[in-house]
Amino acid sequence: MVVYEANVKKAVLKGSLPKDIFSRFNNVFISLDTTHDLSLFDIKKLKSSEKRTYYRVRKGKYRAIFYIQESNYFVISIAKREEVYDKWE
């Protein structure tokens, strides 16, 4: 299952995150949820806390930050490369 944080949903509704970009990432997460194969896309593990392992997936100038818990994908941020890491920290 793919779960989007409230700030991601809000960004799509406000228009700060284009719907076509959200659609691309949504397709990525649906594929990951189906296959559970992180090697299908440009996904890298990020340095993070001991509690949780965070990952980023890249699509053009945009990045999505997410973590995996009990086979569920929790997307916490989708934004341009310059902005996504500031919002995440």
PDB file of N, CA and C in Angstrom:
ATOM      1  N   MET A   1       0.838  -1.172   0.000  1.00  0.00           N
ATOM      2  CA  MET A   1       0.000   0.000   0.000  1.00  0.00           C
ATOM      3  C   MET A   1       0.892   1.246   0.000  1.00  0.00           C
ATOM      4  N   VAL A   2       0.461   2.255  -0.714  1.00  0.00           N
ATOM      5  CA  VAL A   2       1.193   3.516  -0.788  1.00  0.00           C
ATOM      6  C   VAL A   2       0.413   4.561  -0.008  1.00  0.00           C
ATOM      7  N   VAL A   3       1.093   5.227   0.932  1.00  0.00           N
ATOM      8  CA  VAL A   3       0.466   6.250   1.761  1.00  0.00           C
ATOM      9  C   VAL A   3       1.208   7.565   1.541  1.00  0.00           C
ATOM     10  N   TYR A   4       0.457   8.605   1.191  1.00  0.00           N
ATOM     11  CA  TYR A   4       1.044   9.931   0.990  1.00  0.00           C
ATOM     12  C   TYR A   4       0.762  10.794   2.211  1.00  0.00           C
ATOM     13  N   GLU A   5       1.806  11.487   2.686  1.00  0.00           N
ATOM     14  CA  GLU A   5       1.648  12.403   3.805  1.00  0.00           C
ATOM     15  C   GLU A   5       0.729  13.560   3.387  1.00  0.00           C
ATOM     16  N   ALA A   6       0.177  14.244   4.367  1.00  0.00           N
ATOM     17  CA  ALA A   6      -0.762  15.334   4.107  1.00  0.00           C
ATOM     18  C   ALA A   6      -0.123  16.463   3.294  1.00  0.00           C
ATOM     19  N   ASN A   7       1.174  16.737   3.528  1.00  0.00           N
ATOM     20  CA  ASN A   7       1.819  17.832   2.802  1.00  0.00           C
ATOM     21  C   ASN A   7       1.955  17.530   1.304  1.00  0.00           C
ATOM     22  N   VAL A   8       2.083  16.271   0.936  1.00  0.00           N
ATOM     23  CA  VAL A   8       2.156  15.892  -0.478  1.00  0.00           C
ATOM     24  C   VAL A   8       0.789  16.095  -1.128  1.00  0.00           C
ATOM     25  N   LYS A   9      -0.251  15.642  -0.469  1.00  0.00           N
ATOM     26  CA  LYS A   9      -1.609  15.818  -0.992  1.00  0.00           C
ATOM     27  C   LYS A   9      -1.954  17.293  -1.123  1.00  0.00           C
ATOM     28  N   LYS A  10      -1.552  18.081  -0.133  1.00  0.00           N
ATOM     29  CA  LYS A  10      -1.831  19.517  -0.132  1.00  0.00           C
ATOM     30  C   LYS A  10      -1.098  20.216  -1.275  1.00  0.00           C
ATOM     31  N   ALA A  11       0.148  19.806  -1.542  1.00  0.00           N
ATOM     32  CA  ALA A  11       0.924  20.406  -2.627  1.00  0.00           C
ATOM     33  C   ALA A  11       0.277  20.142  -3.984  1.00  0.00           C
ATOM     34  N   VAL A  12      -0.302  18.969  -4.161  1.00  0.00           N
ATOM     35  CA  VAL A  12      -0.989  18.645  -5.417  1.00  0.00           C
ATOM     36  C   VAL A  12      -2.252  19.493  -5.548  1.00  0.00           C
ATOM     37  N   LEU A  13      -3.012  19.613  -4.470  1.00  0.00           N
ATOM     38  CA  LEU A  13      -4.254  20.398  -4.508  1.00  0.00           C
ATOM     39  C   LEU A  13      -3.985  21.880  -4.753  1.00  0.00           C
ATOM     40  N   LYS A  14      -2.916  22.410  -4.142  1.00  0.00           N
ATOM     41  CA  LYS A  14      -2.588  23.821  -4.311  1.00  0.00           C
ATOM     42  C   LYS A  14      -1.938  24.113  -5.661  1.00  0.00           C
ATOM     43  N   GLY A  15      -1.416  23.088  -6.305  1.00  0.00           N
ATOM     44  CA  GLY A  15      -0.769  23.287  -7.591  1.00  0.00           C
ATOM     45  C   GLY A  15       0.727  23.531  -7.518  1.00  0.00           C
ATOM     46  N   SER A  16       1.314  23.492  -6.318  1.00  0.00           N
ATOM     47  CA  SER A  16       2.762  23.676  -6.204  1.00  0.00           C
ATOM     48  C   SER A  16       3.517  22.437  -6.670  1.00  0.00           C
ATOM     49  N   LEU A  17       2.834  21.300  -6.709  1.00  0.00           N
ATOM     50  CA  LEU A  17       3.377  20.071  -7.284  1.00  0.00           C
ATOM     51  C   LEU A  17       2.506  19.725  -8.494  1.00  0.00           C
ATOM     52  N   PRO A  18       3.065  19.825  -9.711  1.00  0.00           N
ATOM     53  CA  PRO A  18       2.258  19.549 -10.910  1.00  0.00           C
ATOM     54  C   PRO A  18       1.671  18.140 -10.888  1.00  0.00           C
ATOM     55  N   LYS A  19       0.450  18.031 -11.378  1.00  0.00           N
ATOM     56  CA  LYS A  19      -0.256  16.748 -11.350  1.00  0.00           C
ATOM     57  C   LYS A  19       0.440  15.687 -12.195  1.00  0.00           C
ATOM     58  N   ASP A  20       1.075  16.100 -13.306  1.00  0.00           N
ATOM     59  CA  ASP A  20       1.776  15.108 -14.134  1.00  0.00           C
ATOM     60  C   ASP A  20       2.990  14.545 -13.414  1.00  0.00           C
ATOM     61  N   ILE A  21       3.673  15.370 -12.629  1.00  0.00           N
ATOM     62  CA  ILE A  21       4.816  14.892 -11.832  1.00  0.00           C
ATOM     63  C   ILE A  21       4.320  13.933 -10.750  1.00  0.00           C
ATOM     64  N   PHE A  22       3.231  14.310 -10.086  1.00  0.00           N
ATOM     65  CA  PHE A  22       2.660  13.424  -9.067  1.00  0.00           C
ATOM     66  C   PHE A  22       2.251  12.092  -9.694  1.00  0.00           C
ATOM     67  N   SER A  23       1.689  12.147 -10.884  1.00  0.00           N
ATOM     68  CA  SER A  23       1.264  10.932 -11.579  1.00  0.00           C
ATOM     69  C   SER A  23       2.449  10.014 -11.872  1.00  0.00           C
ATOM     70  N   ARG A  24       3.577  10.600 -12.286  1.00  0.00           N
ATOM     71  CA  ARG A  24       4.781   9.792 -12.535  1.00  0.00           C
ATOM     72  C   ARG A  24       5.230   9.068 -11.279  1.00  0.00           C
ATOM     73  N   PHE A  25       5.291   9.821 -10.172  1.00  0.00           N
ATOM     74  CA  PHE A  25       5.728   9.209  -8.917  1.00  0.00           C
ATOM     75  C   PHE A  25       4.714   8.186  -8.421  1.00  0.00           C
ATOM     76  N   ASN A  26       3.442   8.467  -8.615  1.00  0.00           N
ATOM     77  CA  ASN A  26       2.413   7.513  -8.207  1.00  0.00           C
ATOM     78  C   ASN A  26       2.587   6.200  -8.959  1.00  0.00           C
ATOM     79  N   ASN A  27       2.895   6.268 -10.249  1.00  0.00           N
ATOM     80  CA  ASN A  27       3.140   5.058 -11.033  1.00  0.00           C
ATOM     81  C   ASN A  27       4.354   4.293 -10.511  1.00  0.00           C
ATOM     82  N   VAL A  28       5.389   5.023 -10.110  1.00  0.00           N
ATOM     83  CA  VAL A  28       6.583   4.388  -9.545  1.00  0.00           C
ATOM     84  C   VAL A  28       6.220   3.624  -8.274  1.00  0.00           C
ATOM     85  N   PHE A  29       5.467   4.277  -7.386  1.00  0.00           N
ATOM     86  CA  PHE A  29       5.138   3.639  -6.118  1.00  0.00           C
ATOM     87  C   PHE A  29       4.162   2.484  -6.287  1.00  0.00           C
ATOM     88  N   ILE A  30       3.287   2.564  -7.262  1.00  0.00           N
ATOM     89  CA  ILE A  30       2.405   1.430  -7.539  1.00  0.00           C
ATOM     90  C   ILE A  30       3.233   0.242  -8.019  1.00  0.00           C
ATOM     91  N   SER A  31       4.216   0.503  -8.891  1.00  0.00           N
ATOM     92  CA  SER A  31       5.098  -0.576  -9.358  1.00  0.00           C
ATOM     93  C   SER A  31       5.899  -1.176  -8.211  1.00  0.00           C
ATOM     94  N   LEU A  32       6.415  -0.321  -7.325  1.00  0.00           N
ATOM     95  CA  LEU A  32       7.172  -0.815  -6.171  1.00  0.00           C
ATOM     96  C   LEU A  32       6.288  -1.637  -5.244  1.00  0.00           C
ATOM     97  N   ASP A  33       5.066  -1.186  -5.052  1.00  0.00           N
ATOM     98  CA  ASP A  33       4.142  -1.912  -4.185  1.00  0.00           C
ATOM     99  C   ASP A  33       3.813  -3.280  -4.765  1.00  0.00           C
ATOM    100  N   THR A  34       3.772  -3.369  -6.079  1.00  0.00           N
ATOM    101  CA  THR A  34       3.458  -4.634  -6.739  1.00  0.00           C
ATOM    102  C   THR A  34       4.640  -5.602  -6.720  1.00  0.00           C
ATOM    103  N   THR A  35       5.841  -5.072  -7.044  1.00  0.00           N
ATOM    104  CA  THR A  35       7.006  -5.945  -7.212  1.00  0.00           C
ATOM    105  C   THR A  35       7.916  -6.028  -5.992  1.00  0.00           C
ATOM    106  N   HIS A  36       7.938  -4.982  -5.159  1.00  0.00           N
ATOM    107  CA  HIS A  36       8.849  -4.878  -4.007  1.00  0.00           C
ATOM    108  C   HIS A  36      10.317  -4.967  -4.444  1.00  0.00           C
ATOM    109  N   ASP A  37      10.612  -4.464  -5.644  1.00  0.00           N
ATOM    110  CA  ASP A  37      11.969  -4.491  -6.193  1.00  0.00           C
ATOM    111  C   ASP A  37      12.485  -3.064  -6.333  1.00  0.00           C
ATOM    112  N   LEU A  38      13.362  -2.658  -5.402  1.00  0.00           N
ATOM    113  CA  LEU A  38      13.885  -1.294  -5.406  1.00  0.00           C
ATOM    114  C   LEU A  38      14.870  -1.028  -6.543  1.00  0.00           C
ATOM    115  N   SER A  39      15.327  -2.070  -7.221  1.00  0.00           N
ATOM    116  CA  SER A  39      16.298  -1.879  -8.292  1.00  0.00           C
ATOM    117  C   SER A  39      15.659  -1.474  -9.619  1.00  0.00           C
ATOM    118  N   LEU A  40      14.330  -1.414  -9.675  1.00  0.00           N
ATOM    119  CA  LEU A  40      13.657  -1.047 -10.921  1.00  0.00           C
ATOM    120  C   LEU A  40      13.834   0.427 -11.280  1.00  0.00           C
ATOM    121  N   PHE A  41      14.019   1.282 -10.277  1.00  0.00           N
ATOM    122  CA  PHE A  41      14.094   2.720 -10.494  1.00  0.00           C
ATOM    123  C   PHE A  41      15.369   3.262  -9.869  1.00  0.00           C
ATOM    124  N   ASP A  42      15.605   4.563 -10.100  1.00  0.00           N
ATOM    125  CA  ASP A  42      16.780   5.224  -9.529  1.00  0.00           C
ATOM    126  C   ASP A  42      16.482   5.550  -8.064  1.00  0.00           C
ATOM    127  N   ILE A  43      16.691   4.566  -7.210  1.00  0.00           N
ATOM    128  CA  ILE A  43      16.399   4.698  -5.785  1.00  0.00           C
ATOM    129  C   ILE A  43      17.695   4.552  -5.007  1.00  0.00           C
ATOM    130  N   LYS A  44      17.900   5.485  -4.072  1.00  0.00           N
ATOM    131  CA  LYS A  44      19.085   5.417  -3.221  1.00  0.00           C
ATOM    132  C   LYS A  44      18.675   5.515  -1.764  1.00  0.00           C
ATOM    133  N   LYS A  45      19.429   4.822  -0.946  1.00  0.00           N
ATOM    134  CA  LYS A  45      19.221   4.873   0.500  1.00  0.00           C
ATOM    135  C   LYS A  45      19.848   6.163   1.018  1.00  0.00           C
ATOM    136  N   LEU A  46      19.151   6.864   1.895  1.00  0.00           N
ATOM    137  CA  LEU A  46      19.661   8.104   2.467  1.00  0.00           C
ATOM    138  C   LEU A  46      20.208   7.852   3.859  1.00  0.00           C
ATOM    139  N   LYS A  47      21.146   8.678   4.263  1.00  0.00           N
ATOM    140  CA  LYS A  47      21.631   8.613   5.633  1.00  0.00           C
ATOM    141  C   LYS A  47      20.511   9.126   6.523  1.00  0.00           C
ATOM    142  N   SER A  48      20.158   8.336   7.523  1.00  0.00           N
ATOM    143  CA  SER A  48      19.010   8.717   8.343  1.00  0.00           C
ATOM    144  C   SER A  48      19.155   8.191   9.758  1.00  0.00           C
ATOM    145  N   SER A  49      18.105   8.364  10.509  1.00  0.00           N
ATOM    146  CA  SER A  49      18.114   7.953  11.917  1.00  0.00           C
ATOM    147  C   SER A  49      18.136   6.431  12.032  1.00  0.00           C
ATOM    148  N   GLU A  50      18.374   5.965  13.238  1.00  0.00           N
ATOM    149  CA  GLU A  50      18.421   4.519  13.478  1.00  0.00           C
ATOM    150  C   GLU A  50      17.029   3.900  13.462  1.00  0.00           C
ATOM    151  N   LYS A  51      16.000   4.694  13.721  1.00  0.00           N
ATOM    152  CA  LYS A  51      14.634   4.176  13.782  1.00  0.00           C
ATOM    153  C   LYS A  51      14.130   3.741  12.410  1.00  0.00           C
ATOM    154  N   ARG A  52      14.451   4.528  11.386  1.00  0.00           N
ATOM    155  CA  ARG A  52      13.835   4.342  10.088  1.00  0.00           C
ATOM    156  C   ARG A  52      14.856   4.545   8.990  1.00  0.00           C
ATOM    157  N   THR A  53      14.736   3.809   7.912  1.00  0.00           N
ATOM    158  CA  THR A  53      15.596   3.980   6.756  1.00  0.00           C
ATOM    159  C   THR A  53      14.808   4.705   5.680  1.00  0.00           C
ATOM    160  N   TYR A  54      15.344   5.838   5.249  1.00  0.00           N
ATOM    161  CA  TYR A  54      14.686   6.637   4.226  1.00  0.00           C
ATOM    162  C   TYR A  54      15.338   6.391   2.873  1.00  0.00           C
ATOM    163  N   TYR A  55      14.552   6.545   1.828  1.00  0.00           N
ATOM    164  CA  TYR A  55      15.016   6.377   0.459  1.00  0.00           C
ATOM    165  C   TYR A  55      14.569   7.575  -0.360  1.00  0.00           C
ATOM    166  N   ARG A  56      15.244   7.787  -1.474  1.00  0.00           N
ATOM    167  CA  ARG A  56      14.792   8.795  -2.415  1.00  0.00           C
ATOM    168  C   ARG A  56      14.708   8.163  -3.788  1.00  0.00           C
ATOM    169  N   VAL A  57      13.710   8.591  -4.535  1.00  0.00           N
ATOM    170  CA  VAL A  57      13.557   8.158  -5.921  1.00  0.00           C
ATOM    171  C   VAL A  57      13.600   9.418  -6.782  1.00  0.00           C
ATOM    172  N   ARG A  58      14.283   9.323  -7.910  1.00  0.00           N
ATOM    173  CA  ARG A  58      14.509  10.480  -8.765  1.00  0.00           C
ATOM    174  C   ARG A  58      13.736  10.323 -10.065  1.00  0.00           C
ATOM    175  N   LYS A  59      13.087  11.398 -10.470  1.00  0.00           N
ATOM    176  CA  LYS A  59      12.421  11.498 -11.771  1.00  0.00           C
ATOM    177  C   LYS A  59      12.693  12.902 -12.301  1.00  0.00           C
ATOM    178  N   GLY A  60      13.666  13.026 -13.180  1.00  0.00           N
ATOM    179  CA  GLY A  60      14.019  14.345 -13.721  1.00  0.00           C
ATOM    180  C   GLY A  60      14.545  15.258 -12.637  1.00  0.00           C
ATOM    181  N   LYS A  61      13.966  16.453 -12.531  1.00  0.00           N
ATOM    182  CA  LYS A  61      14.396  17.420 -11.520  1.00  0.00           C
ATOM    183  C   LYS A  61      13.717  17.205 -10.168  1.00  0.00           C
ATOM    184  N   TYR A  62      12.798  16.271 -10.117  1.00  0.00           N
ATOM    185  CA  TYR A  62      12.031  16.045  -8.894  1.00  0.00           C
ATOM    186  C   TYR A  62      12.527  14.816  -8.139  1.00  0.00           C
ATOM    187  N   ARG A  63      12.343  14.862  -6.812  1.00  0.00           N
ATOM    188  CA  ARG A  63      12.724  13.761  -5.939  1.00  0.00           C
ATOM    189  C   ARG A  63      11.565  13.458  -4.996  1.00  0.00           C
ATOM    190  N   ALA A  64      11.444  12.212  -4.621  1.00  0.00           N
ATOM    191  CA  ALA A  64      10.476  11.806  -3.608  1.00  0.00           C
ATOM    192  C   ALA A  64      11.234  11.127  -2.485  1.00  0.00           C
ATOM    193  N   ILE A  65      10.922  11.487  -1.255  1.00  0.00           N
ATOM    194  CA  ILE A  65      11.519  10.873  -0.079  1.00  0.00           C
ATOM    195  C   ILE A  65      10.460   9.953   0.530  1.00  0.00           C
ATOM    196  N   PHE A  66      10.856   8.713   0.823  1.00  0.00           N
ATOM    197  CA  PHE A  66       9.905   7.759   1.377  1.00  0.00           C
ATOM    198  C   PHE A  66      10.607   6.781   2.293  1.00  0.00           C
ATOM    199  N   TYR A  67       9.815   6.066   3.061  1.00  0.00           N
ATOM    200  CA  TYR A  67      10.334   4.966   3.875  1.00  0.00           C
ATOM    201  C   TYR A  67       9.384   3.781   3.742  1.00  0.00           C
ATOM    202  N   ILE A  68       9.890   2.620   4.095  1.00  0.00           N
ATOM    203  CA  ILE A  68       9.127   1.381   3.980  1.00  0.00           C
ATOM    204  C   ILE A  68       8.900   0.825   5.380  1.00  0.00           C
ATOM    205  N   GLN A  69       7.647   0.493   5.671  1.00  0.00           N
ATOM    206  CA  GLN A  69       7.321  -0.086   6.965  1.00  0.00           C
ATOM    207  C   GLN A  69       6.259  -1.163   6.744  1.00  0.00           C
ATOM    208  N   GLU A  70       6.585  -2.387   7.096  1.00  0.00           N
ATOM    209  CA  GLU A  70       5.674  -3.527   6.965  1.00  0.00           C
ATOM    210  C   GLU A  70       5.103  -3.640   5.544  1.00  0.00           C
ATOM    211  N   SER A  71       5.959  -3.556   4.547  1.00  0.00           N
ATOM    212  CA  SER A  71       5.603  -3.654   3.130  1.00  0.00           C
ATOM    213  C   SER A  71       4.699  -2.529   2.637  1.00  0.00           C
ATOM    214  N   ASN A  72       4.608  -1.444   3.385  1.00  0.00           N
ATOM    215  CA  ASN A  72       3.868  -0.261   2.961  1.00  0.00           C
ATOM    216  C   ASN A  72       4.862   0.848   2.651  1.00  0.00           C
ATOM    217  N   TYR A  73       4.556   1.664   1.657  1.00  0.00           N
ATOM    218  CA  TYR A  73       5.424   2.758   1.255  1.00  0.00           C
ATOM    219  C   TYR A  73       4.812   4.066   1.724  1.00  0.00           C
ATOM    220  N   PHE A  74       5.547   4.803   2.559  1.00  0.00           N
ATOM    221  CA  PHE A  74       5.083   6.072   3.103  1.00  0.00           C
ATOM    222  C   PHE A  74       5.878   7.195   2.441  1.00  0.00           C
ATOM    223  N   VAL A  75       5.213   7.974   1.607  1.00  0.00           N
ATOM    224  CA  VAL A  75       5.857   9.069   0.879  1.00  0.00           C
ATOM    225  C   VAL A  75       5.719  10.327   1.716  1.00  0.00           C
ATOM    226  N   ILE A  76       6.853  10.885   2.133  1.00  0.00           N
ATOM    227  CA  ILE A  76       6.791  12.045   3.023  1.00  0.00           C
ATOM    228  C   ILE A  76       7.017  13.364   2.301  1.00  0.00           C
ATOM    229  N   SER A  77       7.622  13.330   1.111  1.00  0.00           N
ATOM    230  CA  SER A  77       7.865  14.579   0.401  1.00  0.00           C
ATOM    231  C   SER A  77       8.135  14.315  -1.074  1.00  0.00           C
ATOM    232  N   ILE A  78       7.573  15.175  -1.924  1.00  0.00           N
ATOM    233  CA  ILE A  78       7.890  15.197  -3.349  1.00  0.00           C
ATOM    234  C   ILE A  78       8.086  16.655  -3.714  1.00  0.00           C
ATOM    235  N   ALA A  79       9.263  16.984  -4.244  1.00  0.00           N
ATOM    236  CA  ALA A  79       9.562  18.370  -4.605  1.00  0.00           C
ATOM    237  C   ALA A  79      10.765  18.395  -5.544  1.00  0.00           C
ATOM    238  N   LYS A  80      11.107  19.601  -5.995  1.00  0.00           N
ATOM    239  CA  LYS A  80      12.295  19.753  -6.826  1.00  0.00           C
ATOM    240  C   LYS A  80      13.533  19.429  -6.001  1.00  0.00           C
ATOM    241  N   ARG A  81      14.596  19.081  -6.688  1.00  0.00           N
ATOM    242  CA  ARG A  81      15.829  18.652  -6.027  1.00  0.00           C
ATOM    243  C   ARG A  81      16.325  19.693  -5.032  1.00  0.00           C
ATOM    244  N   GLU A  82      16.252  20.979  -5.411  1.00  0.00           N
ATOM    245  CA  GLU A  82      16.769  22.033  -4.528  1.00  0.00           C
ATOM    246  C   GLU A  82      15.954  22.172  -3.246  1.00  0.00           C
ATOM    247  N   GLU A  83      14.703  21.738  -3.292  1.00  0.00           N
ATOM    248  CA  GLU A  83      13.796  21.974  -2.173  1.00  0.00           C
ATOM    249  C   GLU A  83      13.518  20.744  -1.317  1.00  0.00           C
ATOM    250  N   VAL A  84      13.592  19.572  -1.899  1.00  0.00           N
ATOM    251  CA  VAL A  84      13.093  18.377  -1.213  1.00  0.00           C
ATOM    252  C   VAL A  84      13.891  18.045   0.041  1.00  0.00           C
ATOM    253  N   TYR A  85      15.186  18.240   0.029  1.00  0.00           N
ATOM    254  CA  TYR A  85      15.993  17.871   1.190  1.00  0.00           C
ATOM    255  C   TYR A  85      15.828  18.879   2.320  1.00  0.00           C
ATOM    256  N   ASP A  86      15.553  20.154   1.993  1.00  0.00           N
ATOM    257  CA  ASP A  86      15.287  21.158   3.032  1.00  0.00           C
ATOM    258  C   ASP A  86      13.986  20.847   3.744  1.00  0.00           C
ATOM    259  N   LYS A  87      12.966  20.430   2.992  1.00  0.00           N
ATOM    260  CA  LYS A  87      11.662  20.124   3.576  1.00  0.00           C
ATOM    261  C   LYS A  87      11.722  18.865   4.429  1.00  0.00           C
ATOM    262  N   TRP A  88      12.595  17.951   4.040  1.00  0.00           N
ATOM    263  CA  TRP A  88      12.661  16.654   4.704  1.00  0.00           C
ATOM    264  C   TRP A  88      13.305  16.772   6.083  1.00  0.00           C
ATOM    265  N   GLU A  89      14.339  17.575   6.200  1.00  0.00           N
ATOM    266  CA  GLU A  89      15.103  17.632   7.459  1.00  0.00           C
ATOM    267  C   GLU A  89      14.401  18.343   8.553  1.00  0.00           C
TER     268      GLU A  89
END
